[in-house]
Amino acid sequence: MRARAALQAGLGWVCLWACLWACPSACSATEIEWERVEDPRFVAEDGSYALELPLGWVRSEHSLTREGWEAQLISFNAGPVLEAANGTAIDLAAPQLLVALQDELAAQPGVEVIDCRPVTLDALPGFRMHFFQEAPPDLEADPGTPADSTEMVLYGAVEGVTLYAFSFESRSPVTLARDLEVFERLVASFERLEPARPTP
């Protein structure tokens, strides 16, 4: 029963990752206003967490890029995540869950998992996954044209029923090598904040 529950949790997380992967497509389909980061201190709208953003990059809500989302994209967010329909919190400290996450991700078409390991984010158990995602073939492209691929690093941690997620994606090994350290510093700066108390 426990193994089955872990597998179900993995399926739910894959759905979450699919939403994260869709972010660049959403960027290409809509007009986005980017603002240059001049103050590195970022505090979430609800005051639940804070980050240190890279100066000189540009930001639109919860997305960051240096040269445009086609070159590299950092995304971060927080929101509720529940196990199936019973509202049970996901326990990322459970070893079998990390195995289920890796297996489910590796089973997705075009995915090659490079690394999957447990991490700690602001004292919360979490995960770090590094993988390649090959785009579906372009039927209109010339024969022999190599498929487009994206290299991604994902971090996630759960507190109760709240998921904190961070992703970095790049289509170029050069960009990845240059900007991965920037992403790692952003993740390392993650800090949960005490919720503000209502004024009497």
C-alpha atoms as a PDB file:
ATOM      1  CA  MET A   1       0.000   0.000   0.000  1.00  0.00           C
ATOM      2  CA  ARG A   2       2.832   2.416   0.825  1.00  0.00           C
ATOM      3  CA  ALA A   3       4.566   1.757  -2.506  1.00  0.00           C
ATOM      4  CA  ARG A   4       1.303   2.383  -4.329  1.00  0.00           C
ATOM      5  CA  ALA A   5       0.789   5.655  -2.468  1.00  0.00           C
ATOM      6  CA  ALA A   6       4.307   6.765  -3.374  1.00  0.00           C
ATOM      7  CA  LEU A   7       3.674   5.987  -7.029  1.00  0.00           C
ATOM      8  CA  GLN A   8       0.431   7.963  -6.973  1.00  0.00           C
ATOM      9  CA  ALA A   9       2.301  10.893  -5.460  1.00  0.00           C
ATOM     10  CA  GLY A  10       4.871  10.634  -8.250  1.00  0.00           C
ATOM     11  CA  LEU A  11       2.157  10.820 -10.877  1.00  0.00           C
ATOM     12  CA  GLY A  12       0.795  13.959  -9.248  1.00  0.00           C
ATOM     13  CA  TRP A  13       4.227  15.569  -9.258  1.00  0.00           C
ATOM     14  CA  VAL A  14       4.744  14.805 -12.932  1.00  0.00           C
ATOM     15  CA  CYS A  15       1.565  16.751 -13.645  1.00  0.00           C
ATOM     16  CA  LEU A  16       3.039  19.629 -11.657  1.00  0.00           C
ATOM     17  CA  TRP A  17       6.272  19.510 -13.621  1.00  0.00           C
ATOM     18  CA  ALA A  18       4.301  19.569 -16.857  1.00  0.00           C
ATOM     19  CA  CYS A  19       2.892  22.908 -15.755  1.00  0.00           C
ATOM     20  CA  LEU A  20       6.414  24.203 -15.098  1.00  0.00           C
ATOM     21  CA  TRP A  21       7.593  23.014 -18.514  1.00  0.00           C
ATOM     22  CA  ALA A  22       4.718  24.897 -20.136  1.00  0.00           C
ATOM     23  CA  CYS A  23       6.010  28.224 -18.853  1.00  0.00           C
ATOM     24  CA  PRO A  24       8.177  29.063 -21.916  1.00  0.00           C
ATOM     25  CA  SER A  25       5.268  28.263 -24.232  1.00  0.00           C
ATOM     26  CA  ALA A  26       3.086  30.613 -22.245  1.00  0.00           C
ATOM     27  CA  CYS A  27       5.761  33.289 -22.532  1.00  0.00           C
ATOM     28  CA  SER A  28       5.863  32.932 -26.308  1.00  0.00           C
ATOM     29  CA  ALA A  29       2.102  33.112 -26.617  1.00  0.00           C
ATOM     30  CA  THR A  30       1.532  36.299 -24.640  1.00  0.00           C
ATOM     31  CA  GLU A  31       3.019  39.743 -24.360  1.00  0.00           C
ATOM     32  CA  ILE A  32       5.142  39.932 -21.225  1.00  0.00           C
ATOM     33  CA  GLU A  33       6.444  43.093 -19.612  1.00  0.00           C
ATOM     34  CA  TRP A  34       9.920  42.598 -18.190  1.00  0.00           C
ATOM     35  CA  GLU A  35      11.376  44.882 -15.514  1.00  0.00           C
ATOM     36  CA  ARG A  36      15.063  45.030 -14.671  1.00  0.00           C
ATOM     37  CA  VAL A  37      15.990  43.778 -11.201  1.00  0.00           C
ATOM     38  CA  GLU A  38      17.403  46.745  -9.287  1.00  0.00           C
ATOM     39  CA  ASP A  39      16.560  45.575  -5.764  1.00  0.00           C
ATOM     40  CA  PRO A  40      17.642  41.960  -5.185  1.00  0.00           C
ATOM     41  CA  ARG A  41      15.296  41.420  -2.236  1.00  0.00           C
ATOM     42  CA  PHE A  42      12.074  39.710  -3.307  1.00  0.00           C
ATOM     43  CA  VAL A  43       9.232  38.989  -0.888  1.00  0.00           C
ATOM     44  CA  ALA A  44       6.229  36.954  -2.022  1.00  0.00           C
ATOM     45  CA  GLU A  45       2.935  38.769  -2.311  1.00  0.00           C
ATOM     46  CA  ASP A  46       1.541  36.917   0.716  1.00  0.00           C
ATOM     47  CA  GLY A  47       4.722  37.465   2.717  1.00  0.00           C
ATOM     48  CA  SER A  48       5.374  33.728   3.049  1.00  0.00           C
ATOM     49  CA  TYR A  49       8.923  33.604   1.670  1.00  0.00           C
ATOM     50  CA  ALA A  50      11.799  35.728   0.396  1.00  0.00           C
ATOM     51  CA  LEU A  51      14.555  35.347  -2.205  1.00  0.00           C
ATOM     52  CA  GLU A  52      17.643  37.212  -3.389  1.00  0.00           C
ATOM     53  CA  LEU A  53      17.259  37.883  -7.131  1.00  0.00           C
ATOM     54  CA  PRO A  54      20.192  38.412  -9.510  1.00  0.00           C
ATOM     55  CA  LEU A  55      20.876  42.070 -10.224  1.00  0.00           C
ATOM     56  CA  GLY A  56      20.819  43.049 -13.887  1.00  0.00           C
ATOM     57  CA  TRP A  57      18.413  40.294 -14.899  1.00  0.00           C
ATOM     58  CA  VAL A  58      14.835  41.122 -15.865  1.00  0.00           C
ATOM     59  CA  ARG A  59      11.738  39.834 -14.080  1.00  0.00           C
ATOM     60  CA  SER A  60       8.094  39.312 -14.934  1.00  0.00           C
ATOM     61  CA  GLU A  61       6.132  38.154 -11.900  1.00  0.00           C
ATOM     62  CA  HIS A  62       7.758  34.813 -10.945  1.00  0.00           C
ATOM     63  CA  SER A  63      10.056  34.481 -13.964  1.00  0.00           C
ATOM     64  CA  LEU A  64      13.586  35.770 -14.564  1.00  0.00           C
ATOM     65  CA  THR A  65      15.833  35.894 -17.612  1.00  0.00           C
ATOM     66  CA  ARG A  66      19.111  37.525 -18.578  1.00  0.00           C
ATOM     67  CA  GLU A  67      18.826  37.536 -22.370  1.00  0.00           C
ATOM     68  CA  GLY A  68      15.245  36.448 -23.057  1.00  0.00           C
ATOM     69  CA  TRP A  69      13.247  33.356 -22.155  1.00  0.00           C
ATOM     70  CA  GLU A  70      14.447  31.579 -25.308  1.00  0.00           C
ATOM     71  CA  ALA A  71      18.006  31.640 -23.899  1.00  0.00           C
ATOM     72  CA  GLN A  72      17.400  30.920 -20.217  1.00  0.00           C
ATOM     73  CA  LEU A  73      14.524  31.081 -17.772  1.00  0.00           C
ATOM     74  CA  ILE A  74      14.328  30.897 -13.990  1.00  0.00           C
ATOM     75  CA  SER A  75      10.903  30.346 -12.456  1.00  0.00           C
ATOM     76  CA  PHE A  76       9.864  30.250  -8.808  1.00  0.00           C
ATOM     77  CA  ASN A  77       6.555  29.918  -7.053  1.00  0.00           C
ATOM     78  CA  ALA A  78       4.652  28.514  -4.089  1.00  0.00           C
ATOM     79  CA  GLY A  79       1.219  26.961  -3.850  1.00  0.00           C
ATOM     80  CA  PRO A  80      -0.868  24.131  -2.417  1.00  0.00           C
ATOM     81  CA  VAL A  81      -0.102  20.558  -3.370  1.00  0.00           C
ATOM     82  CA  LEU A  82      -2.155  17.658  -2.013  1.00  0.00           C
ATOM     83  CA  GLU A  83      -1.874  13.890  -2.207  1.00  0.00           C
ATOM     84  CA  ALA A  84      -4.743  12.617  -4.383  1.00  0.00           C
ATOM     85  CA  ALA A  85      -8.136  13.719  -3.042  1.00  0.00           C
ATOM     86  CA  ASN A  86      -7.748  13.014   0.650  1.00  0.00           C
ATOM     87  CA  GLY A  87      -5.721  16.113   1.488  1.00  0.00           C
ATOM     88  CA  THR A  88      -2.747  14.213   2.959  1.00  0.00           C
ATOM     89  CA  ALA A  89       0.485  16.211   2.868  1.00  0.00           C
ATOM     90  CA  ILE A  90       3.318  14.812   0.726  1.00  0.00           C
ATOM     91  CA  ASP A  91       6.351  13.668   2.726  1.00  0.00           C
ATOM     92  CA  LEU A  92       9.475  14.410   0.694  1.00  0.00           C
ATOM     93  CA  ALA A  93      11.625  12.863   3.417  1.00  0.00           C
ATOM     94  CA  ALA A  94      10.324   9.406   2.392  1.00  0.00           C
ATOM     95  CA  PRO A  95      13.023   7.691   0.253  1.00  0.00           C
ATOM     96  CA  GLN A  96      10.468   5.746  -1.781  1.00  0.00           C
ATOM     97  CA  LEU A  97       8.854   8.991  -2.937  1.00  0.00           C
ATOM     98  CA  LEU A  98      12.102  10.264  -4.465  1.00  0.00           C
ATOM     99  CA  VAL A  99      12.480   6.952  -6.298  1.00  0.00           C
ATOM    100  CA  ALA A 100       8.915   7.231  -7.592  1.00  0.00           C
ATOM    101  CA  LEU A 101       9.542  10.813  -8.755  1.00  0.00           C
ATOM    102  CA  GLN A 102      12.655   9.806 -10.668  1.00  0.00           C
ATOM    103  CA  ASP A 103      10.987   6.774 -12.239  1.00  0.00           C
ATOM    104  CA  GLU A 104       7.950   8.748 -13.349  1.00  0.00           C
ATOM    105  CA  LEU A 105      10.054  11.558 -14.790  1.00  0.00           C
ATOM    106  CA  ALA A 106      12.327   9.128 -16.646  1.00  0.00           C
ATOM    107  CA  ALA A 107       9.249   7.459 -18.151  1.00  0.00           C
ATOM    108  CA  GLN A 108       8.132  10.673 -19.871  1.00  0.00           C
ATOM    109  CA  PRO A 109       8.787  10.836 -23.643  1.00  0.00           C
ATOM    110  CA  GLY A 110      11.990  12.649 -24.541  1.00  0.00           C
ATOM    111  CA  VAL A 111      13.275  12.899 -20.957  1.00  0.00           C
ATOM    112  CA  GLU A 112      16.783  11.867 -19.891  1.00  0.00           C
ATOM    113  CA  VAL A 113      17.396  12.126 -16.141  1.00  0.00           C
ATOM    114  CA  ILE A 114      20.934  13.219 -15.272  1.00  0.00           C
ATOM    115  CA  ASP A 115      20.677  13.502 -11.503  1.00  0.00           C
ATOM    116  CA  CYS A 116      18.056  13.135  -8.780  1.00  0.00           C
ATOM    117  CA  ARG A 117      18.860  13.612  -5.123  1.00  0.00           C
ATOM    118  CA  PRO A 118      17.382  14.780  -1.826  1.00  0.00           C
ATOM    119  CA  VAL A 119      18.201  18.290  -0.611  1.00  0.00           C
ATOM    120  CA  THR A 120      17.243  20.609   2.217  1.00  0.00           C
ATOM    121  CA  LEU A 121      15.750  24.043   1.539  1.00  0.00           C
ATOM    122  CA  ASP A 122      15.522  26.298   4.590  1.00  0.00           C
ATOM    123  CA  ALA A 123      15.377  23.185   6.820  1.00  0.00           C
ATOM    124  CA  LEU A 124      12.639  21.596   4.672  1.00  0.00           C
ATOM    125  CA  PRO A 125      13.184  18.182   3.003  1.00  0.00           C
ATOM    126  CA  GLY A 126      13.141  18.508  -0.756  1.00  0.00           C
ATOM    127  CA  PHE A 127      14.601  17.296  -4.040  1.00  0.00           C
ATOM    128  CA  ARG A 128      16.878  18.431  -6.856  1.00  0.00           C
ATOM    129  CA  MET A 129      16.401  16.982 -10.335  1.00  0.00           C
ATOM    130  CA  HIS A 130      18.572  17.650 -13.386  1.00  0.00           C
ATOM    131  CA  PHE A 131      17.423  16.360 -16.774  1.00  0.00           C
ATOM    132  CA  PHE A 132      17.149  16.896 -20.521  1.00  0.00           C
ATOM    133  CA  GLN A 133      13.751  17.404 -22.157  1.00  0.00           C
ATOM    134  CA  GLU A 134      13.674  16.827 -25.912  1.00  0.00           C
ATOM    135  CA  ALA A 135      10.947  18.731 -27.723  1.00  0.00           C
ATOM    136  CA  PRO A 136       8.470  16.835 -29.920  1.00  0.00           C
ATOM    137  CA  PRO A 137       9.673  16.545 -33.531  1.00  0.00           C
ATOM    138  CA  ASP A 138       8.800  19.437 -35.836  1.00  0.00           C
ATOM    139  CA  LEU A 139       6.953  17.887 -38.751  1.00  0.00           C
ATOM    140  CA  GLU A 140       7.591  20.993 -40.862  1.00  0.00           C
ATOM    141  CA  ALA A 141      11.345  21.040 -40.295  1.00  0.00           C
ATOM    142  CA  ASP A 142      13.814  19.881 -42.943  1.00  0.00           C
ATOM    143  CA  PRO A 143      14.785  16.203 -42.734  1.00  0.00           C
ATOM    144  CA  GLY A 144      17.846  15.684 -40.578  1.00  0.00           C
ATOM    145  CA  THR A 145      17.256  18.798 -38.478  1.00  0.00           C
ATOM    146  CA  PRO A 146      18.196  17.917 -34.864  1.00  0.00           C
ATOM    147  CA  ALA A 147      15.375  18.046 -32.338  1.00  0.00           C
ATOM    148  CA  ASP A 148      15.322  21.016 -30.009  1.00  0.00           C
ATOM    149  CA  SER A 149      16.116  20.148 -26.412  1.00  0.00           C
ATOM    150  CA  THR A 150      16.105  21.925 -23.074  1.00  0.00           C
ATOM    151  CA  GLU A 151      18.264  21.211 -20.046  1.00  0.00           C
ATOM    152  CA  MET A 152      16.452  21.761 -16.758  1.00  0.00           C
ATOM    153  CA  VAL A 153      17.186  21.814 -13.050  1.00  0.00           C
ATOM    154  CA  LEU A 154      14.244  21.629 -10.645  1.00  0.00           C
ATOM    155  CA  TYR A 155      14.125  22.092  -6.898  1.00  0.00           C
ATOM    156  CA  GLY A 156      11.098  21.443  -4.742  1.00  0.00           C
ATOM    157  CA  ALA A 157      10.249  21.384  -1.054  1.00  0.00           C
ATOM    158  CA  VAL A 158       6.994  20.923   0.808  1.00  0.00           C
ATOM    159  CA  GLU A 159       5.812  22.400   4.096  1.00  0.00           C
ATOM    160  CA  GLY A 160       2.463  20.977   5.116  1.00  0.00           C
ATOM    161  CA  VAL A 161       0.427  21.273   1.925  1.00  0.00           C
ATOM    162  CA  THR A 162       2.499  24.113   0.429  1.00  0.00           C
ATOM    163  CA  LEU A 163       4.931  23.400  -2.388  1.00  0.00           C
ATOM    164  CA  TYR A 164       7.913  25.688  -3.001  1.00  0.00           C
ATOM    165  CA  ALA A 165       9.219  25.119  -6.545  1.00  0.00           C
ATOM    166  CA  PHE A 166      12.211  26.534  -8.435  1.00  0.00           C
ATOM    167  CA  SER A 167      13.199  25.748 -12.027  1.00  0.00           C
ATOM    168  CA  PHE A 168      16.019  26.733 -14.354  1.00  0.00           C
ATOM    169  CA  GLU A 169      16.014  25.894 -18.043  1.00  0.00           C
ATOM    170  CA  SER A 170      18.434  26.534 -20.856  1.00  0.00           C
ATOM    171  CA  ARG A 171      18.701  25.488 -24.480  1.00  0.00           C
ATOM    172  CA  SER A 172      22.456  26.057 -24.653  1.00  0.00           C
ATOM    173  CA  PRO A 173      25.243  24.271 -22.724  1.00  0.00           C
ATOM    174  CA  VAL A 174      27.180  27.546 -22.694  1.00  0.00           C
ATOM    175  CA  THR A 175      24.279  29.438 -21.120  1.00  0.00           C
ATOM    176  CA  LEU A 176      23.712  26.629 -18.633  1.00  0.00           C
ATOM    177  CA  ALA A 177      27.340  26.596 -17.510  1.00  0.00           C
ATOM    178  CA  ARG A 178      27.342  30.367 -17.086  1.00  0.00           C
ATOM    179  CA  ASP A 179      23.978  30.844 -15.363  1.00  0.00           C
ATOM    180  CA  LEU A 180      23.489  27.682 -13.290  1.00  0.00           C
ATOM    181  CA  GLU A 181      25.482  29.178 -10.415  1.00  0.00           C
ATOM    182  CA  VAL A 182      23.154  32.210 -10.450  1.00  0.00           C
ATOM    183  CA  PHE A 183      20.177  29.883 -10.110  1.00  0.00           C
ATOM    184  CA  GLU A 184      21.818  27.892  -7.328  1.00  0.00           C
ATOM    185  CA  ARG A 185      22.447  31.103  -5.364  1.00  0.00           C
ATOM    186  CA  LEU A 186      18.803  32.109  -5.776  1.00  0.00           C
ATOM    187  CA  VAL A 187      17.629  28.738  -4.449  1.00  0.00           C
ATOM    188  CA  ALA A 188      20.104  28.900  -1.559  1.00  0.00           C
ATOM    189  CA  SER A 189      18.699  32.319  -0.590  1.00  0.00           C
ATOM    190  CA  PHE A 190      15.185  30.871  -0.114  1.00  0.00           C
ATOM    191  CA  GLU A 191      13.855  31.893   3.288  1.00  0.00           C
ATOM    192  CA  ARG A 192      10.446  31.241   4.806  1.00  0.00           C
ATOM    193  CA  LEU A 193       8.971  34.225   6.620  1.00  0.00           C
ATOM    194  CA  GLU A 194       6.675  34.465   9.582  1.00  0.00           C
ATOM    195  CA  PRO A 195       3.133  35.280   8.451  1.00  0.00           C
ATOM    196  CA  ALA A 196       2.078  38.817   9.256  1.00  0.00           C
ATOM    197  CA  ARG A 197      -0.382  39.068  12.131  1.00  0.00           C
ATOM    198  CA  PRO A 198      -3.552  41.069  11.550  1.00  0.00           C
ATOM    199  CA  THR A 199      -3.658  44.456  13.239  1.00  0.00           C
ATOM    200  CA  PRO A 200      -6.084  44.463  16.227  1.00  0.00           C
END
